[in-house]
Structure formats: C-alpha cells, structure tokens
Protein backbone atom coordinates (compact mmCIF):
# COMPACT_ATOMS: atom_id res chain seq x y z
CA MET A 1 -19.46 0.92 -11.05
CA LEU A 2 -17.27 0.88 -7.94
CA LEU A 3 -18.02 4.53 -7.26
CA ALA A 4 -21.75 3.99 -7.70
CA ALA A 5 -21.67 1.12 -5.21
CA ASP A 6 -19.63 3.28 -2.84
CA ARG A 7 -22.40 5.88 -2.92
CA GLY A 8 -24.95 3.20 -2.08
CA GLU A 9 -26.42 3.14 -5.58
CA ALA A 10 -27.27 0.06 -7.60
CA ALA A 11 -24.37 -1.29 -9.65
CA PRO A 12 -25.78 -4.26 -11.60
CA GLY A 13 -23.14 -6.61 -12.91
CA LEU A 14 -20.42 -5.29 -10.62
CA ASP A 15 -19.35 -8.68 -9.26
CA ASP A 16 -18.99 -10.12 -12.75
CA ARG A 17 -17.06 -7.07 -13.95
CA VAL A 18 -14.69 -7.23 -10.99
CA ARG A 19 -14.02 -10.88 -11.74
CA SER A 20 -13.31 -10.23 -15.42
CA ALA A 21 -11.11 -7.24 -14.53
CA VAL A 22 -9.03 -9.41 -12.22
CA PHE A 23 -8.61 -11.97 -15.01
CA GLU A 24 -7.49 -9.18 -17.37
CA VAL A 25 -4.98 -7.58 -15.01
CA VAL A 26 -3.47 -10.89 -13.92
CA GLN A 27 -3.03 -12.06 -17.53
CA LYS A 28 -1.45 -8.73 -18.46
CA GLN A 29 1.08 -9.01 -15.65
CA ARG A 30 1.80 -12.58 -16.72
CA ASP A 31 2.29 -11.52 -20.36
CA LEU A 32 4.78 -8.82 -19.31
CA GLY A 33 6.86 -11.27 -17.29
CA VAL A 34 6.01 -9.96 -13.83
CA ASP A 35 7.06 -12.62 -11.31
CA LEU A 36 4.84 -11.74 -8.33
CA VAL A 37 1.30 -10.87 -9.35
CA ASN A 38 -1.72 -9.39 -7.60
CA ASP A 39 -5.35 -8.65 -8.42
CA GLY A 40 -4.92 -4.93 -9.05
CA GLU A 41 -7.28 -4.30 -6.12
CA MET A 42 -10.02 -4.41 -8.74
CA GLY A 43 -12.78 -5.11 -6.23
CA LYS A 44 -11.88 -2.20 -3.94
CA VAL A 45 -12.96 1.40 -4.37
CA GLY A 46 -9.84 2.44 -2.46
CA PHE A 47 -6.90 0.66 -0.87
CA ALA A 48 -8.12 1.55 2.64
CA MET A 49 -11.62 2.89 2.05
CA TYR A 50 -13.03 -0.55 1.21
CA VAL A 51 -13.02 -1.63 4.86
CA LYS A 52 -16.11 0.46 5.67
CA ASP A 53 -18.14 -2.13 3.79
CA ARG A 54 -16.56 -5.06 5.62
CA LEU A 55 -16.68 -3.73 9.18
CA THR A 56 -19.44 -2.31 11.34
CA GLY A 57 -19.13 1.01 13.13
CA PHE A 58 -18.49 3.44 10.28
CA ASP A 59 -21.53 5.66 9.91
CA GLY A 60 -20.20 9.15 10.61
CA GLN A 61 -18.25 11.46 8.31
CA SER A 62 -14.49 12.10 8.41
CA LYS A 63 -12.80 15.20 7.03
CA TRP A 64 -9.49 13.70 6.01
CA LEU A 65 -9.10 15.86 2.91
CA GLY A 66 -9.46 18.91 5.15
CA GLN A 67 -6.58 17.98 7.45
CA ARG A 68 -3.80 20.48 7.98
CA ARG A 69 -0.91 19.81 5.61
CA PRO A 70 2.15 22.08 5.99
CA GLU A 71 3.36 21.43 2.45
CA MET A 72 0.08 22.85 1.15
CA GLU A 73 0.45 25.90 3.39
CA ASP A 74 3.97 26.53 2.11
CA HIS A 75 2.96 25.99 -1.52
CA PRO A 76 -0.49 27.58 -1.90
CA ASP A 77 -0.18 27.64 -5.69
CA PHE A 78 0.37 23.90 -5.71
CA ALA A 79 -2.50 23.42 -3.23
CA GLU A 80 -4.84 25.35 -5.52
CA ARG A 81 -3.81 23.22 -8.49
CA TRP A 82 -4.20 20.02 -6.46
CA ARG A 83 -7.71 20.95 -5.33
CA ALA A 84 -8.68 21.85 -8.89
CA THR A 85 -7.62 18.47 -10.25
CA THR A 86 -8.73 16.25 -7.36
CA ASP A 87 -12.38 15.40 -6.86
CA GLN A 88 -12.66 15.71 -3.09
CA THR A 89 -16.25 14.50 -2.93
CA VAL A 90 -16.04 11.32 -5.00
CA LEU A 91 -15.24 8.98 -2.09
CA THR A 92 -16.99 8.59 1.23
CA THR A 93 -14.71 8.40 4.27
CA PRO A 94 -16.98 7.75 7.24
CA ALA A 95 -15.98 8.17 10.85
CA CYS A 96 -16.24 5.48 13.50
CA THR A 97 -19.39 6.10 15.54
CA SER A 98 -20.03 2.68 17.11
CA GLU A 99 -18.38 -0.63 17.91
CA ILE A 100 -16.15 -2.10 15.20
CA ARG A 101 -16.78 -5.73 14.28
CA VAL A 102 -16.61 -7.89 11.17
CA LYS A 103 -19.71 -7.28 9.02
CA ASP A 104 -18.97 -8.97 5.70
CA PRO A 105 -16.41 -11.81 5.79
CA SER A 106 -17.43 -12.76 2.26
CA GLY A 107 -15.61 -9.74 0.82
CA VAL A 108 -12.12 -11.13 1.29
CA ALA A 109 -13.32 -14.59 0.26
CA ARG A 110 -14.47 -13.16 -3.09
CA ASP A 111 -11.13 -11.42 -3.57
CA ILE A 112 -9.24 -14.65 -2.88
CA ALA A 113 -11.45 -16.71 -5.19
CA ASN A 114 -11.15 -14.19 -8.03
CA LEU A 115 -7.37 -13.98 -7.79
CA LYS A 116 -6.89 -17.74 -7.57
CA ALA A 117 -9.19 -18.36 -10.55
CA ALA A 118 -7.41 -15.70 -12.61
CA ALA A 119 -4.01 -17.12 -11.68
CA ALA A 120 -5.09 -20.62 -12.65
CA ALA A 121 -6.30 -19.35 -16.02
CA ALA A 122 -2.94 -17.62 -16.56
CA GLY A 123 -0.95 -20.66 -15.47
CA LEU A 124 0.41 -19.02 -12.32
CA PRO A 125 0.94 -20.98 -9.08
CA THR A 126 -0.55 -19.60 -5.86
CA GLU A 127 2.90 -18.98 -4.36
CA ARG A 128 3.43 -16.31 -7.05
CA LEU A 129 0.46 -14.25 -5.82
CA PHE A 130 0.12 -11.45 -3.29
CA MET A 131 -2.92 -9.58 -2.00
CA THR A 132 -3.10 -6.25 -0.19
CA ALA A 133 -5.03 -5.40 2.96
CA ALA A 134 -5.29 -2.13 4.86
CA SER A 135 -3.43 -1.92 8.16
CA PRO A 136 -5.14 -0.76 11.36
CA GLY A 137 -3.02 2.38 11.30
CA VAL A 138 -3.93 3.47 7.79
CA ILE A 139 -7.62 2.86 8.44
CA SER A 140 -7.37 5.18 11.43
CA HIS A 141 -5.60 7.73 9.21
CA PHE A 142 -8.63 8.12 6.94
CA PHE A 143 -11.51 7.25 9.28
CA ALA A 144 -11.77 9.46 12.35
CA ASN A 145 -12.57 7.99 15.77
CA GLN A 146 -15.77 9.41 17.24
CA HIS A 147 -16.63 6.43 19.44
CA TYR A 148 -13.71 4.90 21.35
CA PRO A 149 -12.38 6.73 24.43
CA THR A 150 -8.72 6.62 23.32
CA ARG A 151 -6.73 6.19 20.16
CA GLU A 152 -5.24 3.05 21.68
CA ALA A 153 -8.70 1.52 22.03
CA PHE A 154 -9.62 2.54 18.48
CA ILE A 155 -6.48 1.02 16.94
CA GLY A 156 -6.93 -2.10 19.04
CA ALA A 157 -10.49 -2.57 17.84
CA LEU A 158 -9.41 -2.14 14.22
CA ALA A 159 -6.65 -4.70 14.66
CA LYS A 160 -9.03 -7.26 16.16
CA ALA A 161 -11.61 -6.72 13.42
CA MET A 162 -9.09 -6.92 10.56
CA GLN A 163 -7.34 -10.01 11.90
CA PRO A 164 -9.72 -12.49 10.18
CA GLU A 165 -9.09 -10.86 6.79
CA TYR A 166 -5.32 -11.02 7.25
CA GLU A 167 -5.48 -14.66 8.30
CA ALA A 168 -7.83 -15.62 5.46
CA ILE A 169 -5.39 -14.27 2.86
CA ALA A 170 -2.38 -15.96 4.43
CA GLU A 171 -4.18 -19.26 4.93
CA SER A 172 -5.19 -19.28 1.25
CA GLY A 173 -1.55 -19.57 0.27
CA ILE A 174 -1.46 -16.03 -1.13
CA LEU A 175 1.22 -13.72 0.27
CA LEU A 176 -0.33 -11.01 2.46
CA GLN A 177 0.79 -7.42 1.83
CA LEU A 178 -0.15 -5.08 4.66
CA ASP A 179 -0.49 -1.52 3.42
CA CYS A 180 0.99 0.78 6.09
CA PRO A 181 1.52 4.26 4.60
CA ASP A 182 0.44 5.67 7.97
CA LEU A 183 3.91 4.87 9.32
CA ALA A 184 5.34 7.70 7.19
CA MET A 185 2.54 9.61 5.43
CA SER A 186 0.73 10.67 8.59
CA ARG A 187 3.78 12.70 9.71
CA HIS A 188 2.89 15.50 7.28
CA SER A 189 -0.87 15.28 7.70
CA VAL A 190 -2.80 13.97 10.72
CA PHE A 191 0.28 14.19 12.99
CA ALA A 192 1.80 17.32 11.47
CA ASP A 193 1.73 19.20 14.77
CA LEU A 194 3.60 16.55 16.75
CA THR A 195 7.30 16.53 17.48
CA LEU A 196 9.33 13.76 15.89
CA GLU A 197 9.42 11.81 19.15
CA GLU A 198 5.66 12.21 19.62
CA PHE A 199 5.13 10.99 16.06
CA ARG A 200 7.42 8.02 16.67
CA ALA A 201 5.25 7.10 19.65
CA GLN A 202 2.20 6.98 17.36
CA VAL A 203 4.12 4.84 14.86
CA ALA A 204 5.03 2.45 17.66
CA LEU A 205 1.37 2.25 18.68
CA ASN A 206 0.31 1.42 15.12
CA LEU A 207 3.00 -1.25 14.84
CA GLU A 208 2.00 -2.80 18.15
CA ALA A 209 -1.57 -3.14 16.87
CA LEU A 210 -0.38 -4.52 13.54
CA ASN A 211 1.82 -7.14 15.19
CA ALA A 212 -1.06 -8.19 17.41
CA ALA A 213 -3.33 -8.63 14.40
CA VAL A 214 -0.84 -10.86 12.54
CA ARG A 215 0.49 -12.80 15.51
CA ASN A 216 -0.81 -16.09 14.09
CA ILE A 217 0.72 -15.62 10.63
CA PRO A 218 4.33 -16.66 9.89
CA ALA A 219 6.55 -13.70 9.04
CA GLU A 220 7.54 -15.19 5.68
CA ARG A 221 3.88 -15.22 4.60
CA MET A 222 3.74 -11.42 4.80
CA ARG A 223 5.26 -8.22 3.55
CA MET A 224 4.36 -4.62 4.41
CA HIS A 225 4.27 -1.44 2.35
CA VAL A 226 5.45 1.89 3.78
CA CYS A 227 5.14 5.14 1.83
CA TRP A 228 4.78 8.89 2.13
CA GLY A 229 1.62 9.27 0.07
CA ASN A 230 1.06 8.18 -3.52
CA TYR A 231 0.81 11.61 -5.13
CA GLU A 232 2.99 14.03 -7.05
CA GLY A 233 3.65 16.96 -4.72
CA PRO A 234 6.34 18.82 -2.78
CA HIS A 235 6.78 16.18 -0.04
CA ASP A 236 9.23 18.55 1.65
CA TYR A 237 7.72 17.80 5.06
CA ASP A 238 8.13 14.04 4.70
CA VAL A 239 9.74 12.29 7.65
CA GLU A 240 13.06 10.75 6.63
CA LEU A 241 13.38 6.98 6.49
CA LYS A 242 16.36 7.09 8.85
CA ASP A 243 14.11 8.59 11.54
CA ILE A 244 11.60 5.72 11.53
CA VAL A 245 13.49 2.72 10.14
CA ASP A 246 14.26 1.25 13.57
CA LEU A 247 10.55 1.20 14.39
CA VAL A 248 9.51 -0.14 10.97
CA LEU A 249 11.90 -3.06 11.40
CA THR A 250 10.03 -4.16 14.54
CA ALA A 251 7.06 -5.17 12.37
CA LYS A 252 6.62 -8.92 12.00
CA PRO A 253 6.32 -9.20 8.18
CA ALA A 254 9.48 -10.44 6.50
CA GLY A 255 9.20 -8.18 3.45
CA LEU A 256 9.48 -4.39 3.51
CA SER A 257 8.17 -2.51 0.47
CA LEU A 258 9.39 1.09 0.31
CA GLU A 259 9.17 4.11 -1.97
CA ALA A 260 12.69 4.22 -3.31
CA CYS A 261 12.81 6.04 -6.63
CA ASN A 262 10.81 9.26 -6.36
CA PRO A 263 12.91 12.45 -6.08
CA ARG A 264 12.26 12.88 -2.36
CA HIS A 265 13.31 9.39 -1.31
CA GLY A 266 15.47 8.05 -4.14
CA HIS A 267 18.63 8.65 -2.09
CA GLU A 268 17.54 6.57 0.89
CA TRP A 269 19.06 3.31 -0.33
CA ARG A 270 22.11 4.53 1.58
CA VAL A 271 20.22 4.12 4.85
CA TRP A 272 20.98 0.40 4.54
CA GLU A 273 24.71 1.13 4.60
CA ARG A 274 24.21 2.21 8.21
CA VAL A 275 21.26 0.06 9.25
CA SER A 276 21.59 -3.71 9.32
CA LEU A 277 18.67 -5.54 7.75
CA PRO A 278 17.61 -8.16 10.32
CA GLU A 279 17.96 -11.84 9.53
CA GLY A 280 14.94 -13.20 7.70
CA LYS A 281 13.85 -9.85 6.27
CA TYR A 282 14.06 -8.63 2.67
CA LEU A 283 13.43 -5.36 0.82
CA VAL A 284 11.01 -4.51 -1.99
CA PRO A 285 12.29 -1.11 -3.17
CA GLY A 286 10.21 0.83 -5.64
CA VAL A 287 12.22 1.18 -8.85
CA ILE A 288 9.42 2.54 -11.04
CA ASP A 289 7.41 5.63 -10.09
CA SER A 290 3.63 5.33 -9.71
CA THR A 291 2.88 9.07 -9.93
CA ASN A 292 4.29 10.18 -13.29
CA ASN A 293 4.03 9.24 -16.95
CA TYR A 294 7.74 8.84 -17.63
CA VAL A 295 8.69 5.29 -18.59
CA GLU A 296 11.91 4.53 -16.73
CA HIS A 297 14.78 3.23 -18.85
CA PRO A 298 15.64 -0.39 -17.96
CA GLU A 299 19.23 0.63 -17.22
CA LEU A 300 18.01 3.10 -14.60
CA VAL A 301 15.79 0.39 -13.12
CA ALA A 302 18.82 -1.93 -12.99
CA GLN A 303 20.94 0.74 -11.28
CA ARG A 304 18.29 1.24 -8.63
CA ILE A 305 18.08 -2.49 -7.97
CA LEU A 306 21.86 -2.81 -7.78
CA ASN A 307 22.11 -0.04 -5.18
CA TYR A 308 20.16 -2.27 -2.81
CA ALA A 309 21.47 -5.66 -3.91
CA LYS A 310 25.10 -4.65 -3.39
CA ILE A 311 24.36 -3.67 0.22
CA VAL A 312 21.93 -6.30 1.53
CA GLY A 313 22.57 -9.06 -1.01
CA PRO A 314 20.66 -9.90 -4.21
CA GLU A 315 18.74 -12.72 -2.54
CA ARG A 316 17.15 -10.13 -0.23
CA VAL A 317 15.85 -7.73 -2.89
CA ILE A 318 12.64 -7.86 -4.95
CA ALA A 319 12.13 -5.04 -7.45
CA GLY A 320 8.76 -3.34 -7.14
CA SER A 321 6.87 -0.12 -7.82
CA ASP A 322 6.90 2.85 -5.47
CA CYS A 323 3.20 2.34 -4.75
CA GLY A 324 0.04 1.23 -6.51
CA PHE A 325 -0.96 2.78 -9.83
CA GLY A 326 -4.64 2.98 -8.89
CA THR A 327 -4.87 3.07 -5.11
CA VAL A 328 -8.23 4.84 -5.37
CA ALA A 329 -10.62 4.04 -8.20
CA SER A 330 -11.03 7.65 -9.31
CA MET A 331 -7.54 9.05 -8.82
CA ALA A 332 -5.06 7.25 -11.10
CA THR A 333 -2.61 9.76 -12.62
CA VAL A 334 -0.66 7.39 -14.86
CA ALA A 335 -2.21 6.39 -18.18
CA PRO A 336 -2.87 2.63 -18.33
CA SER A 337 -0.65 2.07 -21.38
CA VAL A 338 2.18 3.91 -19.62
CA THR A 339 1.70 1.79 -16.51
CA TRP A 340 2.19 -1.38 -18.53
CA SER A 341 5.26 0.07 -20.26
CA LYS A 342 6.69 0.83 -16.83
CA PHE A 343 6.16 -2.79 -15.81
CA ARG A 344 7.96 -3.93 -18.96
CA SER A 345 10.91 -1.76 -17.95
CA LEU A 346 10.69 -3.21 -14.44
CA LYS A 347 11.07 -6.72 -15.84
CA ASP A 348 13.81 -5.76 -18.31
CA GLY A 349 15.75 -3.81 -15.68
CA ALA A 350 15.52 -6.69 -13.20
CA GLU A 351 16.94 -9.04 -15.83
CA MET A 352 19.81 -6.62 -16.51
CA ALA A 353 20.59 -6.36 -12.80
CA SER A 354 20.50 -10.14 -12.43
CA ARG A 355 22.98 -10.56 -15.28
CA GLU A 356 25.35 -8.01 -13.74
CA LEU A 357 25.13 -9.89 -10.44
CA GLY A 358 25.86 -13.15 -12.20
CA LEU A 359 22.46 -14.66 -11.37
C-alpha cells in the first residue's frame, strides 16, 4: 500500500492500516520489554524518501542508485549480486527542481497522533517514545539539487523547511531522533571522489544546517543517528569513526546513536578511550545487527554494552540496534520473527549488563 501511494496510485484504507500497524509494532515492543519505543516508521515509504510528499520542490528525478561506489568497483561480483537482489525501480527519488517549502504539515501530525494513541493503548508514557525524522544532509544525499545555485543554499532550504517537523515532534513530548547517515555513508558514495578533508568540510556544512534547524529544541529532547549504510556489503571504503567523531560531537542533540556491532565498526568502542564524551551527551551503540538473520546471544549483547559503559559510564549508555530493520518499505533483509528475537536478546543482554554493573 505504501509503495502504491508512492507511485501516485490509489491506496484505499492506507491511513487506517498505518494506524493499526503502529498499534501492532508498539505493543510488540512493549511485550518484549523494550524501554524506548517508536512507531516503526510505519507511515513512511522510506526513512528519508517520505519528505518528498511533505515538501514542495521535488519534481525531477535523481539517480542515487547510479552513484559511483568504489566498493562496488572493487567487488564486481558482489555488485552483480546486489543489483540482482535489489529492486532499483521500486522507489521514486525525485530531484529538487523548484523552491523547497512545507507542503503537508499534517503528515507529521498524523505520525504523532498514531504513536501517542498506540502508546496509550499499550500503557506507555510519552517520555518513553521516540520518533525519527530525516536530516537535511540525508535528504540531500538521495535527492539531487537541480534548482539552488549552491549546495549551501540547498542544504539551508532543506533545514528551514524541515524545522517545523522537528519542532512538532519535540513539542509533542516525544523524543526526536534525527537520522543523519549522510555524516558517514556519503563518504563512500556521493562524496567518494573527495579527499578526507574535503569530505569533512561537507560534514561540517551538513551539521551547521542541522544545528540551525534544531536551534529552538533543547538538546536533551533529541538524539541523532549516524551510520555507514544499512546494508550487508564490503564497507571497506567506510570512513572511520575516529576521522569524523570531532565533527559529529558538535551536533546539538544529546544522544548519539552509532553502528557499533557490525564487523566493520564493532571495534570502534575504543574510540571513546581517546575521545572524551562531552558533558550532557550519551551514546546509543548498536548491539544487535539490522542486516543479518543471526540472533545475537544475550551474553554477546551484554559484552558490547559493557565495552561502552566501562568507558563513559553506565548512565550514559542506551543499548540500541545498529540501524532500522525496515528503513525502506521494500528492502528489509531480516525476517520479522528474527527481528523480534533480536529485540528479545537486546532486552536480556541489557539486563545482564545492568546486573554486572550492579544496577
């Protein structure tokens, strides 16, 4: 139904089905003992792609799946397999061809109402909820600029247009999660030909726009997610966390959600032995993987949590997943039953870690 609506086709009953899906996913999280719950992004065709329906200006056509990716060039056999198993036409990713403004403020209002109603039905208080929203930088990653004279102007326009959505979520009492994979993922795709310092300059630009867009929201009402792309692949061109962490820490949100358990970045907990986590900030390391169908043992989950807790302090660590399990409606790789088993291990592992820490 989401895909049909995305293609501009009729999708009768979609609003009701989104609402019921949010109720189902919230109750399931509640049943499994998840402490901080969200709506599963059930009303969004994609974690960033949804904004084309809420903002004006996106009528062209981007070619983001055709971007140069060095890892694909180095591993042509993997690239062939990836293309064969990924439907590259299922989602529309328009380019910006005119002025960006808010078109549909009711979209975020529906999301907020659905999540609050589902939480109330499950007996969850609002302060236990979080909701995701695409950052200006990640929108620019997928939607090419064919209108604004500079990238700075494009990012600035996106920030201004997304600001009301960010503020609506925060003002509702729900924690705002800003999805910012552009801060790392774009290094091996749209900015693959830049030097590290040139890439860092683009990261700084994205963060400046983000901070401008959330200037009216208290830091503690926000967290941000940084990742290198939610897919199983080589990732051997990923920028290292140590090379961007100083910039990432300039973002206003108090919480920092990071990929922390996949084989390319599972070692980076040691970055925090050398980098001091600023006062008022906390980490949300991924301790279950969102790209494979292994169910992590709770003891492994506990070990991953403890790696962070013993460095920055247990009161500054929230256990999370590496990324979302369905960031695009048509591209989930983990079977639903496995996803829920992973969340059970997340809860059990967190309890084990808490006991070891004497909490």
